[in-house]
Amino acid sequence: MSEPVIYMEDVRKIYSMGEQEVHALRGISFSVEQGEFMSIMGPSGSGKSTCMNMIGCLDRPTSGIVKIDGKETAKMSEKELAVLRNKTIGFVFQQYHLLPTMTVLENVMIPLRYQGIEKPLRRDMALSALEKVGLSERINHLPNELSGGQKQRVAIARATVTKPNIILADEPTGALDSSTGRAVLELFGEINATGTTIVIVTHDPGIGSSTRRCIRILDGMIQEDTYA
């Protein structure tokens, strides 16, 4: 059997805030196989965002083991972590994080530039990613000329353009109305059908119940790990 794309073993994270210690994660263990479609759910302050930061190589554990795509993140340099993020993980955020002065096409091309891909190929790859999310007609628009749902589709195109193993989505429907949110979740389902691992971090039970697997976190510990 191939190695899990995400592996966490007894992961603990302690933040020091003055003389106070905050135990954000208290010994979390789970693994995710390539191609899973899952959610990590919990209320504000539960530890789900810290867990997301571990998966996204944005933070390191205080103790325990985190492996992303078979690589132990605690043993990697900042430069190595940046390369791993760029090649392995596509990020989708609640507030889109699109650059306002760049067109839709230019926004989607950004991660490819960091990979050193030549501009003509960057353009072709970005056009293909935008076609898959149904935005071929909007490539020359600026973000402020788009609806919320369209902005999120641009963000998804940007996340998938590098063909990452993992899409990590933080409250991706939080700023959308319910029907647009459902359409975005359906789009994630289509992306997952191609073999990409999808991890959605959310406080919304509706999203948690819509994914094939849901890990519920509370007070820095896993309360439940269920499969639909």
Protein backbone atom coordinates (compact mmCIF):
# COMPACT_ATOMS: atom_id res chain seq x y z
CA MET A 1 0.00 0.00 0.00
CA SER A 2 1.30 3.47 -0.84
CA GLU A 3 2.23 5.87 1.93
CA PRO A 4 -0.55 8.22 3.14
CA VAL A 5 -0.47 11.68 1.58
CA ILE A 6 -1.10 13.15 5.07
CA TYR A 7 0.19 11.44 8.22
CA MET A 8 -0.03 12.82 11.76
CA GLU A 9 1.11 10.89 14.84
CA ASP A 10 0.60 12.18 18.40
CA VAL A 11 0.89 15.77 17.16
CA ARG A 12 0.96 18.43 19.85
CA LYS A 13 1.23 22.17 19.42
CA ILE A 14 1.85 24.57 22.30
CA TYR A 15 1.91 28.33 21.80
CA SER A 16 3.55 30.52 24.44
CA MET A 17 1.66 33.74 25.13
CA GLY A 18 3.70 35.54 27.74
CA GLU A 19 3.75 33.29 30.79
CA GLN A 20 0.72 31.37 29.55
CA GLU A 21 0.86 28.23 27.41
CA VAL A 22 -1.94 27.49 24.96
CA HIS A 23 -2.29 23.80 24.04
CA ALA A 24 -3.78 24.07 20.55
CA LEU A 25 -3.32 20.38 19.68
CA ARG A 26 -3.19 17.65 22.32
CA GLY A 27 -1.94 14.50 20.65
CA ILE A 28 -3.76 14.24 17.32
CA SER A 29 -3.21 11.15 15.16
CA PHE A 30 -4.74 10.35 11.76
CA SER A 31 -3.74 9.61 8.19
CA VAL A 32 -5.27 10.47 4.83
CA GLU A 33 -4.90 8.37 1.70
CA GLN A 34 -4.46 9.88 -1.75
CA GLY A 35 -7.86 10.64 -3.28
CA GLU A 36 -9.89 11.07 -0.08
CA PHE A 37 -12.57 13.77 0.16
CA MET A 38 -12.81 14.81 3.80
CA SER A 39 -13.52 17.63 6.21
CA ILE A 40 -11.97 18.70 9.50
CA MET A 41 -14.71 20.26 11.57
CA GLY A 42 -14.85 22.11 14.87
CA PRO A 43 -15.90 25.37 16.50
CA SER A 44 -13.68 28.43 16.83
CA GLY A 45 -10.74 27.66 19.12
CA SER A 46 -11.05 23.88 18.69
CA GLY A 47 -7.64 23.44 17.07
CA LYS A 48 -8.87 22.85 13.52
CA SER A 49 -6.97 25.88 12.14
CA THR A 50 -3.76 24.73 13.83
CA CYS A 51 -4.33 21.30 12.30
CA MET A 52 -4.80 22.97 8.91
CA ASN A 53 -1.52 24.86 9.37
CA MET A 54 0.26 21.56 10.02
CA ILE A 55 -1.16 20.01 6.85
CA GLY A 56 -0.36 23.16 4.88
CA CYS A 57 3.28 23.22 6.07
CA LEU A 58 2.63 26.66 7.55
CA ASP A 59 3.63 25.59 11.07
CA ARG A 60 5.60 22.82 12.77
CA PRO A 61 4.52 20.61 15.66
CA THR A 62 5.87 21.09 19.17
CA SER A 63 6.10 17.30 19.28
CA GLY A 64 4.87 14.35 17.25
CA ILE A 65 5.25 13.53 13.57
CA VAL A 66 3.71 15.32 10.58
CA LYS A 67 4.39 13.87 7.13
CA ILE A 68 3.05 15.47 3.98
CA ASP A 69 3.50 13.46 0.80
CA GLY A 70 5.92 11.23 2.73
CA LYS A 71 8.14 14.07 3.95
CA GLU A 72 8.50 14.85 7.67
CA THR A 73 7.96 18.59 7.93
CA ALA A 74 9.77 19.12 11.26
CA LYS A 75 13.03 18.05 9.60
CA MET A 76 12.75 20.43 6.64
CA SER A 77 14.15 23.93 6.17
CA GLU A 78 11.86 26.88 5.45
CA LYS A 79 12.94 26.79 1.81
CA GLU A 80 12.18 23.07 1.57
CA LEU A 81 8.78 23.63 3.15
CA ALA A 82 8.02 26.40 0.63
CA VAL A 83 8.86 24.05 -2.25
CA LEU A 84 6.70 21.30 -0.74
CA ARG A 85 3.77 23.71 -0.34
CA ASN A 86 4.07 24.98 -3.89
CA LYS A 87 4.30 21.55 -5.50
CA THR A 88 2.05 19.46 -3.29
CA ILE A 89 -0.69 21.69 -1.85
CA GLY A 90 -3.24 24.04 -3.41
CA PHE A 91 -4.86 26.50 -0.99
CA VAL A 92 -8.42 27.87 -1.15
CA PHE A 93 -9.44 30.50 1.40
CA GLN A 94 -12.76 31.97 2.55
CA GLN A 95 -11.77 35.49 1.43
CA TYR A 96 -10.27 34.32 -1.91
CA HIS A 97 -6.95 36.25 -1.55
CA LEU A 98 -6.96 37.36 -5.20
CA LEU A 99 -4.64 40.22 -6.14
CA PRO A 100 -6.97 43.13 -7.04
CA THR A 101 -4.74 44.73 -9.70
CA MET A 102 -4.25 41.50 -11.64
CA THR A 103 -6.70 39.94 -14.08
CA VAL A 104 -8.31 36.57 -13.46
CA LEU A 105 -5.79 34.93 -15.80
CA GLU A 106 -2.81 36.63 -14.14
CA ASN A 107 -4.01 35.55 -10.68
CA VAL A 108 -4.18 31.92 -11.76
CA MET A 109 -0.71 32.09 -13.34
CA ILE A 110 1.00 33.21 -10.10
CA PRO A 111 1.83 29.77 -8.57
CA LEU A 112 3.27 28.62 -11.88
CA ARG A 113 5.69 31.54 -11.89
CA TYR A 114 7.05 30.37 -8.54
CA GLN A 115 7.68 26.97 -10.13
CA GLY A 116 9.82 28.61 -12.82
CA ILE A 117 7.49 27.69 -15.70
CA GLU A 118 7.90 29.79 -18.84
CA LYS A 119 5.20 32.38 -19.50
CA PRO A 120 3.63 30.82 -22.65
CA LEU A 121 3.14 27.50 -20.82
CA ARG A 122 1.93 29.32 -17.69
CA ARG A 123 -0.73 31.00 -19.78
CA ASP A 124 -1.86 27.75 -21.41
CA MET A 125 -2.06 25.94 -18.05
CA ALA A 126 -3.99 28.82 -16.46
CA LEU A 127 -6.43 28.95 -19.37
CA SER A 128 -7.05 25.22 -19.01
CA ALA A 129 -7.64 25.53 -15.24
CA LEU A 130 -10.11 28.40 -15.77
CA GLU A 131 -11.95 26.46 -18.46
CA LYS A 132 -12.46 23.58 -16.00
CA VAL A 133 -14.15 25.92 -13.49
CA GLY A 134 -16.29 27.54 -16.18
CA LEU A 135 -14.61 30.95 -16.33
CA SER A 136 -13.11 31.06 -19.81
CA GLU A 137 -15.17 34.16 -20.59
CA ARG A 138 -13.80 36.10 -17.59
CA ILE A 139 -10.04 35.78 -18.01
CA ASN A 140 -9.44 39.51 -18.56
CA HIS A 141 -11.70 40.72 -15.75
CA LEU A 142 -10.39 42.08 -12.47
CA PRO A 143 -11.54 40.44 -9.20
CA ASN A 144 -13.81 43.37 -8.29
CA GLU A 145 -15.78 42.70 -11.48
CA LEU A 146 -16.72 39.20 -10.32
CA SER A 147 -19.37 37.76 -8.00
CA GLY A 148 -18.37 35.93 -4.83
CA GLY A 149 -18.93 32.55 -6.46
CA GLN A 150 -16.83 33.54 -9.46
CA LYS A 151 -14.01 34.75 -7.20
CA GLN A 152 -14.00 31.42 -5.40
CA ARG A 153 -13.86 29.59 -8.73
CA VAL A 154 -10.82 31.67 -9.68
CA ALA A 155 -9.26 30.73 -6.33
CA ILE A 156 -9.98 27.06 -7.04
CA ALA A 157 -8.45 27.36 -10.52
CA ARG A 158 -5.35 28.95 -8.96
CA ALA A 159 -5.19 26.12 -6.39
CA THR A 160 -5.47 23.36 -9.01
CA VAL A 161 -3.32 24.83 -11.79
CA THR A 162 -0.13 23.24 -10.41
CA LYS A 163 -1.87 19.83 -10.26
CA PRO A 164 -1.21 19.39 -6.52
CA ASN A 165 -1.82 16.15 -4.63
CA ILE A 166 -3.83 17.99 -1.95
CA ILE A 167 -6.36 20.82 -2.05
CA LEU A 168 -6.63 22.43 1.40
CA ALA A 169 -9.72 24.63 1.67
CA ASP A 170 -10.34 26.89 4.69
CA GLU A 171 -14.08 27.70 5.08
CA PRO A 172 -14.38 27.88 1.26
CA THR A 173 -18.13 28.55 1.30
CA GLY A 174 -18.20 30.85 4.33
CA ALA A 175 -18.61 34.06 2.30
CA LEU A 176 -21.11 32.59 -0.19
CA ASP A 177 -24.88 32.16 -0.24
CA SER A 178 -26.15 28.62 0.17
CA SER A 179 -26.79 27.81 -3.51
CA THR A 180 -23.40 29.17 -4.60
CA GLY A 181 -21.79 27.28 -1.74
CA ARG A 182 -23.36 24.04 -2.94
CA ALA A 183 -22.04 24.69 -6.45
CA VAL A 184 -18.52 25.19 -5.06
CA LEU A 185 -18.76 21.92 -3.10
CA GLU A 186 -19.89 20.16 -6.29
CA LEU A 187 -16.83 21.57 -8.04
CA PHE A 188 -14.61 20.15 -5.30
CA GLY A 189 -16.32 16.81 -5.88
CA GLU A 190 -15.44 16.97 -9.59
CA ILE A 191 -11.81 17.79 -8.75
CA ASN A 192 -11.70 14.92 -6.25
CA ALA A 193 -12.99 12.54 -8.94
CA THR A 194 -9.72 13.12 -10.84
CA GLY A 195 -7.76 11.71 -7.86
CA THR A 196 -6.91 14.90 -5.97
CA THR A 197 -7.19 14.73 -2.18
CA ILE A 198 -9.60 17.35 -0.84
CA VAL A 199 -9.45 18.54 2.79
CA ILE A 200 -12.04 21.14 3.82
CA VAL A 201 -11.60 22.88 7.19
CA THR A 202 -14.94 24.17 8.47
CA HIS A 203 -17.19 24.92 11.43
CA ASP A 204 -20.29 24.11 9.34
CA PRO A 205 -21.94 20.73 10.14
CA GLY A 206 -23.63 20.82 6.73
CA ILE A 207 -20.25 20.71 4.99
CA GLY A 208 -18.98 18.12 7.44
CA SER A 209 -21.86 15.81 6.58
CA SER A 210 -21.40 16.36 2.83
CA THR A 211 -17.89 14.89 2.67
CA ARG A 212 -17.14 11.16 2.67
CA ARG A 213 -15.07 11.46 5.85
CA CYS A 214 -15.31 13.95 8.71
CA ILE A 215 -12.86 14.43 11.58
CA ARG A 216 -14.37 16.42 14.44
CA ILE A 217 -11.93 18.30 16.68
CA LEU A 218 -12.66 19.84 20.06
CA ASP A 219 -10.21 21.27 22.61
CA GLY A 220 -7.26 20.15 20.50
CA MET A 221 -8.32 16.50 20.39
CA ILE A 222 -10.14 14.31 17.88
CA GLN A 223 -13.65 13.62 19.14
CA GLU A 224 -14.85 11.60 16.17
CA ASP A 225 -13.54 10.28 12.86
CA THR A 226 -16.46 9.06 10.74
CA TYR A 227 -17.03 7.84 7.21
CA ALA A 228 -20.26 8.36 5.30
